[in-house]
Amino acid sequence: MFIRCAFFSGRIKPGREAEFTSYVREKLVPLWTRFPGAEEVRVLRQEESDSDAQRYEMVLAIRYPSREAIEQALASPVRFESREVTKGLTEMFDGSIFHTVFKADDFALPTD
């Protein structure tokens, strides 16, 4: 499996935290969950870190079964729509956004 992540490196502008959260949930999650081939969508919000050097206000992680599925999602109309809607989110955010694709393996936890 593969997981494509969008890292929002930086901070939400002061006083816009609730607006940022609502915008993600109400406008972007409905789009991200429609990406073709997506098997899971997670929105991660940083609660704490052992380093002050880097802050990730949010990480979007979408799981796909293959690289081909990622390519289909990136070429889809809903992805282009989400890019337009994300522009509104960036008005509430000071920082940068970058994407990374991870190859992921699952490991079962011991049952005893």
C-alpha atoms as a PDB file:
ATOM      1  CA  MET A   1       0.000   0.000   0.000  1.00  0.00           C
ATOM      2  CA  PHE A   2       0.998   3.625  -0.440  1.00  0.00           C
ATOM      3  CA  ILE A   3       0.173   6.680   1.623  1.00  0.00           C
ATOM      4  CA  ARG A   4       0.325  10.149   0.114  1.00  0.00           C
ATOM      5  CA  CYS A   5       0.734  12.841   2.745  1.00  0.00           C
ATOM      6  CA  ALA A   6       0.377  16.592   2.608  1.00  0.00           C
ATOM      7  CA  PHE A   7       2.416  18.241   5.369  1.00  0.00           C
ATOM      8  CA  PHE A   8       1.251  21.677   6.502  1.00  0.00           C
ATOM      9  CA  SER A   9       4.483  22.978   7.999  1.00  0.00           C
ATOM     10  CA  GLY A  10       3.876  26.157   9.997  1.00  0.00           C
ATOM     11  CA  ARG A  11       1.092  27.599  12.125  1.00  0.00           C
ATOM     12  CA  ILE A  12      -2.497  28.681  11.836  1.00  0.00           C
ATOM     13  CA  LYS A  13      -2.803  32.459  11.980  1.00  0.00           C
ATOM     14  CA  PRO A  14      -3.699  33.600  15.515  1.00  0.00           C
ATOM     15  CA  GLY A  15      -7.434  33.683  16.186  1.00  0.00           C
ATOM     16  CA  ARG A  16      -8.289  31.522  13.146  1.00  0.00           C
ATOM     17  CA  GLU A  17      -7.871  28.073  14.725  1.00  0.00           C
ATOM     18  CA  ALA A  18     -11.593  27.235  14.925  1.00  0.00           C
ATOM     19  CA  GLU A  19     -12.199  28.575  11.424  1.00  0.00           C
ATOM     20  CA  PHE A  20      -9.305  26.478  10.078  1.00  0.00           C
ATOM     21  CA  THR A  21     -10.676  23.315  11.703  1.00  0.00           C
ATOM     22  CA  SER A  22     -14.218  23.945  10.439  1.00  0.00           C
ATOM     23  CA  TYR A  23     -12.979  24.707   6.933  1.00  0.00           C
ATOM     24  CA  VAL A  24     -11.053  21.436   6.782  1.00  0.00           C
ATOM     25  CA  ARG A  25     -13.982  19.367   8.079  1.00  0.00           C
ATOM     26  CA  GLU A  26     -16.771  21.055   6.129  1.00  0.00           C
ATOM     27  CA  LYS A  27     -15.133  21.922   2.810  1.00  0.00           C
ATOM     28  CA  LEU A  28     -12.047  19.763   2.281  1.00  0.00           C
ATOM     29  CA  VAL A  29     -12.735  16.388   3.919  1.00  0.00           C
ATOM     30  CA  PRO A  30     -15.832  15.857   1.715  1.00  0.00           C
ATOM     31  CA  LEU A  31     -13.596  16.362  -1.338  1.00  0.00           C
ATOM     32  CA  TRP A  32     -10.638  14.303  -0.102  1.00  0.00           C
ATOM     33  CA  THR A  33     -12.903  11.348   0.680  1.00  0.00           C
ATOM     34  CA  ARG A  34     -14.061  11.368  -2.960  1.00  0.00           C
ATOM     35  CA  PHE A  35     -10.567  10.918  -4.436  1.00  0.00           C
ATOM     36  CA  PRO A  36     -10.779   7.870  -6.707  1.00  0.00           C
ATOM     37  CA  GLY A  37      -8.911   4.866  -5.347  1.00  0.00           C
ATOM     38  CA  ALA A  38      -8.601   6.276  -1.826  1.00  0.00           C
ATOM     39  CA  GLU A  39      -9.022   3.589   0.819  1.00  0.00           C
ATOM     40  CA  GLU A  40      -8.646   5.774   3.898  1.00  0.00           C
ATOM     41  CA  VAL A  41      -8.399   9.491   4.644  1.00  0.00           C
ATOM     42  CA  ARG A  42      -6.833  10.723   7.889  1.00  0.00           C
ATOM     43  CA  VAL A  43      -6.393  14.282   9.047  1.00  0.00           C
ATOM     44  CA  LEU A  44      -3.690  14.496  11.710  1.00  0.00           C
ATOM     45  CA  ARG A  45      -3.363  17.555  13.955  1.00  0.00           C
ATOM     46  CA  GLN A  46      -0.219  18.067  15.996  1.00  0.00           C
ATOM     47  CA  GLU A  47      -0.869  17.997  19.730  1.00  0.00           C
ATOM     48  CA  GLU A  48       2.726  18.005  20.924  1.00  0.00           C
ATOM     49  CA  SER A  49       6.247  17.410  19.718  1.00  0.00           C
ATOM     50  CA  ASP A  50       9.640  16.692  21.207  1.00  0.00           C
ATOM     51  CA  SER A  51      11.098  19.366  18.934  1.00  0.00           C
ATOM     52  CA  ASP A  52      10.343  23.045  18.536  1.00  0.00           C
ATOM     53  CA  ALA A  53      12.343  23.121  15.303  1.00  0.00           C
ATOM     54  CA  GLN A  54       9.439  22.048  13.090  1.00  0.00           C
ATOM     55  CA  ARG A  55       5.674  22.359  13.530  1.00  0.00           C
ATOM     56  CA  TYR A  56       3.186  20.452  11.407  1.00  0.00           C
ATOM     57  CA  GLU A  57      -0.163  22.091  11.988  1.00  0.00           C
ATOM     58  CA  MET A  58      -1.813  19.359   9.969  1.00  0.00           C
ATOM     59  CA  VAL A  59      -0.921  16.274   7.974  1.00  0.00           C
ATOM     60  CA  LEU A  60      -3.344  14.836   5.440  1.00  0.00           C
ATOM     61  CA  ALA A  61      -2.716  11.109   4.877  1.00  0.00           C
ATOM     62  CA  ILE A  62      -4.588   9.247   2.134  1.00  0.00           C
ATOM     63  CA  ARG A  63      -4.033   5.518   1.705  1.00  0.00           C
ATOM     64  CA  TYR A  64      -4.067   3.976  -1.771  1.00  0.00           C
ATOM     65  CA  PRO A  65      -3.594   0.372  -2.919  1.00  0.00           C
ATOM     66  CA  SER A  66      -1.056   1.266  -5.638  1.00  0.00           C
ATOM     67  CA  ARG A  67       0.973   4.009  -7.281  1.00  0.00           C
ATOM     68  CA  GLU A  68      -1.439   3.787 -10.222  1.00  0.00           C
ATOM     69  CA  ALA A  69      -4.336   4.634  -7.900  1.00  0.00           C
ATOM     70  CA  ILE A  70      -2.435   7.709  -6.706  1.00  0.00           C
ATOM     71  CA  GLU A  71      -1.864   8.821 -10.290  1.00  0.00           C
ATOM     72  CA  GLN A  72      -5.578   8.419 -11.040  1.00  0.00           C
ATOM     73  CA  ALA A  73      -6.480  10.465  -7.973  1.00  0.00           C
ATOM     74  CA  LEU A  74      -4.013  13.215  -8.892  1.00  0.00           C
ATOM     75  CA  ALA A  75      -5.502  13.439 -12.395  1.00  0.00           C
ATOM     76  CA  SER A  76      -9.111  13.471 -11.194  1.00  0.00           C
ATOM     77  CA  PRO A  77     -11.451  16.484 -11.350  1.00  0.00           C
ATOM     78  CA  VAL A  78     -12.109  16.265  -7.596  1.00  0.00           C
ATOM     79  CA  ARG A  79      -8.400  16.713  -6.897  1.00  0.00           C
ATOM     80  CA  PHE A  80      -8.326  19.901  -8.970  1.00  0.00           C
ATOM     81  CA  GLU A  81     -11.442  21.082  -7.151  1.00  0.00           C
ATOM     82  CA  SER A  82      -9.765  20.411  -3.800  1.00  0.00           C
ATOM     83  CA  ARG A  83      -6.712  22.402  -4.862  1.00  0.00           C
ATOM     84  CA  GLU A  84      -8.944  25.404  -5.531  1.00  0.00           C
ATOM     85  CA  VAL A  85     -10.742  25.029  -2.189  1.00  0.00           C
ATOM     86  CA  THR A  86      -7.394  24.660  -0.381  1.00  0.00           C
ATOM     87  CA  LYS A  87      -6.554  28.222  -1.431  1.00  0.00           C
ATOM     88  CA  GLY A  88      -9.097  29.400   1.147  1.00  0.00           C
ATOM     89  CA  LEU A  89      -7.374  27.348   3.811  1.00  0.00           C
ATOM     90  CA  THR A  90      -3.965  28.837   3.037  1.00  0.00           C
ATOM     91  CA  GLU A  91      -5.340  32.298   3.855  1.00  0.00           C
ATOM     92  CA  MET A  92      -5.608  31.101   7.469  1.00  0.00           C
ATOM     93  CA  PHE A  93      -2.160  29.517   7.531  1.00  0.00           C
ATOM     94  CA  ASP A  94       1.414  30.808   7.763  1.00  0.00           C
ATOM     95  CA  GLY A  95       3.773  28.210   6.390  1.00  0.00           C
ATOM     96  CA  SER A  96       4.299  25.833   3.513  1.00  0.00           C
ATOM     97  CA  ILE A  97       2.683  22.674   2.202  1.00  0.00           C
ATOM     98  CA  PHE A  98       4.545  19.775   0.655  1.00  0.00           C
ATOM     99  CA  HIS A  99       3.582  16.260  -0.404  1.00  0.00           C
ATOM    100  CA  THR A 100       5.329  12.921   0.110  1.00  0.00           C
ATOM    101  CA  VAL A 101       4.411   9.379  -0.900  1.00  0.00           C
ATOM    102  CA  PHE A 102       5.288   6.573   1.494  1.00  0.00           C
ATOM    103  CA  LYS A 103       5.314   2.868   0.773  1.00  0.00           C
ATOM    104  CA  ALA A 104       3.710   1.310   3.834  1.00  0.00           C
ATOM    105  CA  ASP A 105       3.664  -2.158   5.337  1.00  0.00           C
ATOM    106  CA  ASP A 106       1.188  -3.309   7.987  1.00  0.00           C
ATOM    107  CA  PHE A 107       2.272  -5.562  10.833  1.00  0.00           C
ATOM    108  CA  ALA A 108      -0.194  -7.439  12.989  1.00  0.00           C
ATOM    109  CA  LEU A 109       0.061  -6.874  16.733  1.00  0.00           C
ATOM    110  CA  PRO A 110       0.582  -9.896  18.974  1.00  0.00           C
ATOM    111  CA  THR A 111      -2.671 -11.357  20.229  1.00  0.00           C
ATOM    112  CA  ASP A 112      -1.397 -12.917  23.448  1.00  0.00           C
END
